Amino acid sequence: MPPMSLDVGPGPRAVPLVFFERRELDRLLGLYGLKVAAGEWRDYAIDGLSDSAIFSVYRRASEQPAYRIEKRPALARRQGQWAIVGQNGQVLKRGRELDAVLRFFDRARFKVVK
């Protein structure tokens, strides 16, 4: 299935925007709900740009995003169109399938050992 895009603007110069498909958005919002219930995340933003769609999650609304989940269809045949980007801009996980990339959040990342 080709990437979903929206044409914005009048006339022949309309700019196509990349956005999430319904199944992808359902998966992202489901993960968001779990993390909100766990008290880890508090807010989110969705951006549709000409080359990517970005789902940003925040620990506090006044901060920069803790994580950005990016969909870049141009990278689908190379590195994979999905990426999780950390607060400092580093790519934490990249892949071709959304579910595989989102497994990054399933594991307990850091545990305090006494």
C-alpha atoms as a PDB file:
ATOM      1  CA  MET A   1       0.000   0.000   0.000  1.00  0.00           C
ATOM      2  CA  PRO A   2       1.507   3.402  -0.929  1.00  0.00           C
ATOM      3  CA  PRO A   3       2.185   5.917   1.859  1.00  0.00           C
ATOM      4  CA  MET A   4      -0.780   8.053   2.786  1.00  0.00           C
ATOM      5  CA  SER A   5      -0.413  11.671   1.723  1.00  0.00           C
ATOM      6  CA  LEU A   6      -2.544  14.769   1.752  1.00  0.00           C
ATOM      7  CA  ASP A   7      -2.318  17.578  -0.764  1.00  0.00           C
ATOM      8  CA  VAL A   8      -2.221  20.974   0.898  1.00  0.00           C
ATOM      9  CA  GLY A   9      -2.712  24.195  -0.960  1.00  0.00           C
ATOM     10  CA  PRO A  10      -4.546  25.275  -4.081  1.00  0.00           C
ATOM     11  CA  GLY A  11      -3.589  24.553  -7.647  1.00  0.00           C
ATOM     12  CA  PRO A  12      -0.775  22.590  -9.256  1.00  0.00           C
ATOM     13  CA  ARG A  13       1.789  23.492  -6.575  1.00  0.00           C
ATOM     14  CA  ALA A  14       0.061  21.432  -3.886  1.00  0.00           C
ATOM     15  CA  VAL A  15       2.584  19.885  -1.489  1.00  0.00           C
ATOM     16  CA  PRO A  16       1.910  16.228  -0.605  1.00  0.00           C
ATOM     17  CA  LEU A  17       2.151  15.507   3.119  1.00  0.00           C
ATOM     18  CA  VAL A  18       3.107  12.183   4.674  1.00  0.00           C
ATOM     19  CA  PHE A  19       0.796  11.028   7.440  1.00  0.00           C
ATOM     20  CA  PHE A  20       0.003   7.917   9.473  1.00  0.00           C
ATOM     21  CA  GLU A  21      -2.443   5.273   8.288  1.00  0.00           C
ATOM     22  CA  ARG A  22      -5.316   4.359  10.609  1.00  0.00           C
ATOM     23  CA  ARG A  23      -3.696   1.100  11.829  1.00  0.00           C
ATOM     24  CA  GLU A  24      -0.408   2.888  12.565  1.00  0.00           C
ATOM     25  CA  LEU A  25      -2.133   5.683  14.446  1.00  0.00           C
ATOM     26  CA  ASP A  26      -4.147   3.160  16.479  1.00  0.00           C
ATOM     27  CA  ARG A  27      -0.920   1.373  17.464  1.00  0.00           C
ATOM     28  CA  LEU A  28       0.824   4.640  18.414  1.00  0.00           C
ATOM     29  CA  LEU A  29      -2.117   5.899  20.482  1.00  0.00           C
ATOM     30  CA  GLY A  30      -2.425   2.498  22.192  1.00  0.00           C
ATOM     31  CA  LEU A  31       1.220   2.660  23.264  1.00  0.00           C
ATOM     32  CA  TYR A  32       0.711   6.256  24.368  1.00  0.00           C
ATOM     33  CA  GLY A  33      -2.263   5.231  26.525  1.00  0.00           C
ATOM     34  CA  LEU A  34      -0.223   2.520  28.236  1.00  0.00           C
ATOM     35  CA  LYS A  35       2.623   4.921  28.996  1.00  0.00           C
ATOM     36  CA  VAL A  36       0.224   7.577  30.319  1.00  0.00           C
ATOM     37  CA  ALA A  37      -1.372   4.987  32.612  1.00  0.00           C
ATOM     38  CA  ALA A  38       2.125   4.073  33.855  1.00  0.00           C
ATOM     39  CA  GLY A  39       2.817   7.757  34.556  1.00  0.00           C
ATOM     40  CA  GLU A  40       5.714   8.003  32.094  1.00  0.00           C
ATOM     41  CA  TRP A  41       4.237  10.220  29.371  1.00  0.00           C
ATOM     42  CA  ARG A  42       1.890  13.196  29.664  1.00  0.00           C
ATOM     43  CA  ASP A  43       1.373  14.744  26.237  1.00  0.00           C
ATOM     44  CA  TYR A  44       1.817  14.084  22.512  1.00  0.00           C
ATOM     45  CA  ALA A  45       1.914  15.911  19.171  1.00  0.00           C
ATOM     46  CA  ILE A  46       1.429  14.708  15.605  1.00  0.00           C
ATOM     47  CA  ASP A  47       3.076  16.413  12.641  1.00  0.00           C
ATOM     48  CA  GLY A  48       2.553  15.670   8.963  1.00  0.00           C
ATOM     49  CA  LEU A  49       5.406  17.048   6.870  1.00  0.00           C
ATOM     50  CA  SER A  50       6.353  16.767   3.202  1.00  0.00           C
ATOM     51  CA  ASP A  51       8.933  14.013   3.853  1.00  0.00           C
ATOM     52  CA  SER A  52       7.831  12.485   7.168  1.00  0.00           C
ATOM     53  CA  ALA A  53       5.123  12.015   9.761  1.00  0.00           C
ATOM     54  CA  ILE A  54       6.181  12.467  13.385  1.00  0.00           C
ATOM     55  CA  PHE A  55       4.518  11.317  16.608  1.00  0.00           C
ATOM     56  CA  SER A  56       6.232  13.149  19.497  1.00  0.00           C
ATOM     57  CA  VAL A  57       5.736  12.205  23.150  1.00  0.00           C
ATOM     58  CA  TYR A  58       6.439  14.407  26.133  1.00  0.00           C
ATOM     59  CA  ARG A  59       7.074  13.763  29.799  1.00  0.00           C
ATOM     60  CA  ARG A  60       5.904  17.316  30.509  1.00  0.00           C
ATOM     61  CA  ALA A  61       4.083  19.610  28.108  1.00  0.00           C
ATOM     62  CA  SER A  62       6.618  22.419  28.522  1.00  0.00           C
ATOM     63  CA  GLU A  63       9.661  20.351  27.474  1.00  0.00           C
ATOM     64  CA  GLN A  64      11.011  19.171  24.173  1.00  0.00           C
ATOM     65  CA  PRO A  65       9.843  15.674  23.203  1.00  0.00           C
ATOM     66  CA  ALA A  66      11.271  12.723  25.118  1.00  0.00           C
ATOM     67  CA  TYR A  67      10.895  10.560  21.988  1.00  0.00           C
ATOM     68  CA  ARG A  68       9.907  11.094  18.367  1.00  0.00           C
ATOM     69  CA  ILE A  69       8.504   8.187  16.387  1.00  0.00           C
ATOM     70  CA  GLU A  70       9.129   9.043  12.739  1.00  0.00           C
ATOM     71  CA  LYS A  71       7.755   7.590   9.529  1.00  0.00           C
ATOM     72  CA  ARG A  72       9.918   8.406   6.489  1.00  0.00           C
ATOM     73  CA  PRO A  73       8.644   6.522   3.411  1.00  0.00           C
ATOM     74  CA  ALA A  74      11.715   7.527   1.370  1.00  0.00           C
ATOM     75  CA  LEU A  75      13.832   5.244   3.602  1.00  0.00           C
ATOM     76  CA  ALA A  76      11.475   2.250   3.346  1.00  0.00           C
ATOM     77  CA  ARG A  77      13.727   0.237   1.010  1.00  0.00           C
ATOM     78  CA  ARG A  78      16.986   1.250   2.653  1.00  0.00           C
ATOM     79  CA  GLN A  79      17.145   1.480   6.441  1.00  0.00           C
ATOM     80  CA  GLY A  80      13.435   1.130   7.100  1.00  0.00           C
ATOM     81  CA  GLN A  81      10.845   3.853   7.230  1.00  0.00           C
ATOM     82  CA  TRP A  82      10.327   3.791  11.022  1.00  0.00           C
ATOM     83  CA  ALA A  83      12.664   5.324  13.596  1.00  0.00           C
ATOM     84  CA  ILE A  84      12.624   6.243  17.263  1.00  0.00           C
ATOM     85  CA  VAL A  85      14.633   9.379  17.904  1.00  0.00           C
ATOM     86  CA  GLY A  86      15.733  10.360  21.408  1.00  0.00           C
ATOM     87  CA  GLN A  87      15.717  13.743  23.079  1.00  0.00           C
ATOM     88  CA  ASN A  88      19.180  14.648  21.792  1.00  0.00           C
ATOM     89  CA  GLY A  89      18.452  13.634  18.202  1.00  0.00           C
ATOM     90  CA  GLN A  90      20.113  10.222  18.297  1.00  0.00           C
ATOM     91  CA  VAL A  91      18.358   7.362  16.485  1.00  0.00           C
ATOM     92  CA  LEU A  92      17.575   4.755  19.151  1.00  0.00           C
ATOM     93  CA  LYS A  93      15.862   2.176  16.941  1.00  0.00           C
ATOM     94  CA  ARG A  94      15.182   1.885  13.219  1.00  0.00           C
ATOM     95  CA  GLY A  95      13.281  -0.692  11.207  1.00  0.00           C
ATOM     96  CA  ARG A  96      10.883  -1.600   8.454  1.00  0.00           C
ATOM     97  CA  GLU A  97       7.901  -2.618  10.636  1.00  0.00           C
ATOM     98  CA  LEU A  98       6.220  -0.367  13.195  1.00  0.00           C
ATOM     99  CA  ASP A  99       5.526  -3.141  15.706  1.00  0.00           C
ATOM    100  CA  ALA A 100       9.161  -4.259  15.699  1.00  0.00           C
ATOM    101  CA  VAL A 101      10.378  -0.702  16.275  1.00  0.00           C
ATOM    102  CA  LEU A 102       7.866  -0.080  19.078  1.00  0.00           C
ATOM    103  CA  ARG A 103       9.193  -3.109  20.974  1.00  0.00           C
ATOM    104  CA  PHE A 104      11.906  -0.672  22.076  1.00  0.00           C
ATOM    105  CA  PHE A 105       9.400   0.584  24.675  1.00  0.00           C
ATOM    106  CA  ASP A 106       8.381  -2.890  25.900  1.00  0.00           C
ATOM    107  CA  ARG A 107      11.517  -3.699  27.796  1.00  0.00           C
ATOM    108  CA  ALA A 108      12.452  -2.150  31.093  1.00  0.00           C
ATOM    109  CA  ARG A 109      15.189   0.169  29.873  1.00  0.00           C
ATOM    110  CA  PHE A 110      16.892   1.009  33.130  1.00  0.00           C
ATOM    111  CA  LYS A 111      16.536  -0.667  36.492  1.00  0.00           C
ATOM    112  CA  VAL A 112      18.117   0.348  39.758  1.00  0.00           C
ATOM    113  CA  VAL A 113      20.092  -2.530  41.245  1.00  0.00           C
ATOM    114  CA  LYS A 114      20.933  -2.490  44.943  1.00  0.00           C
END
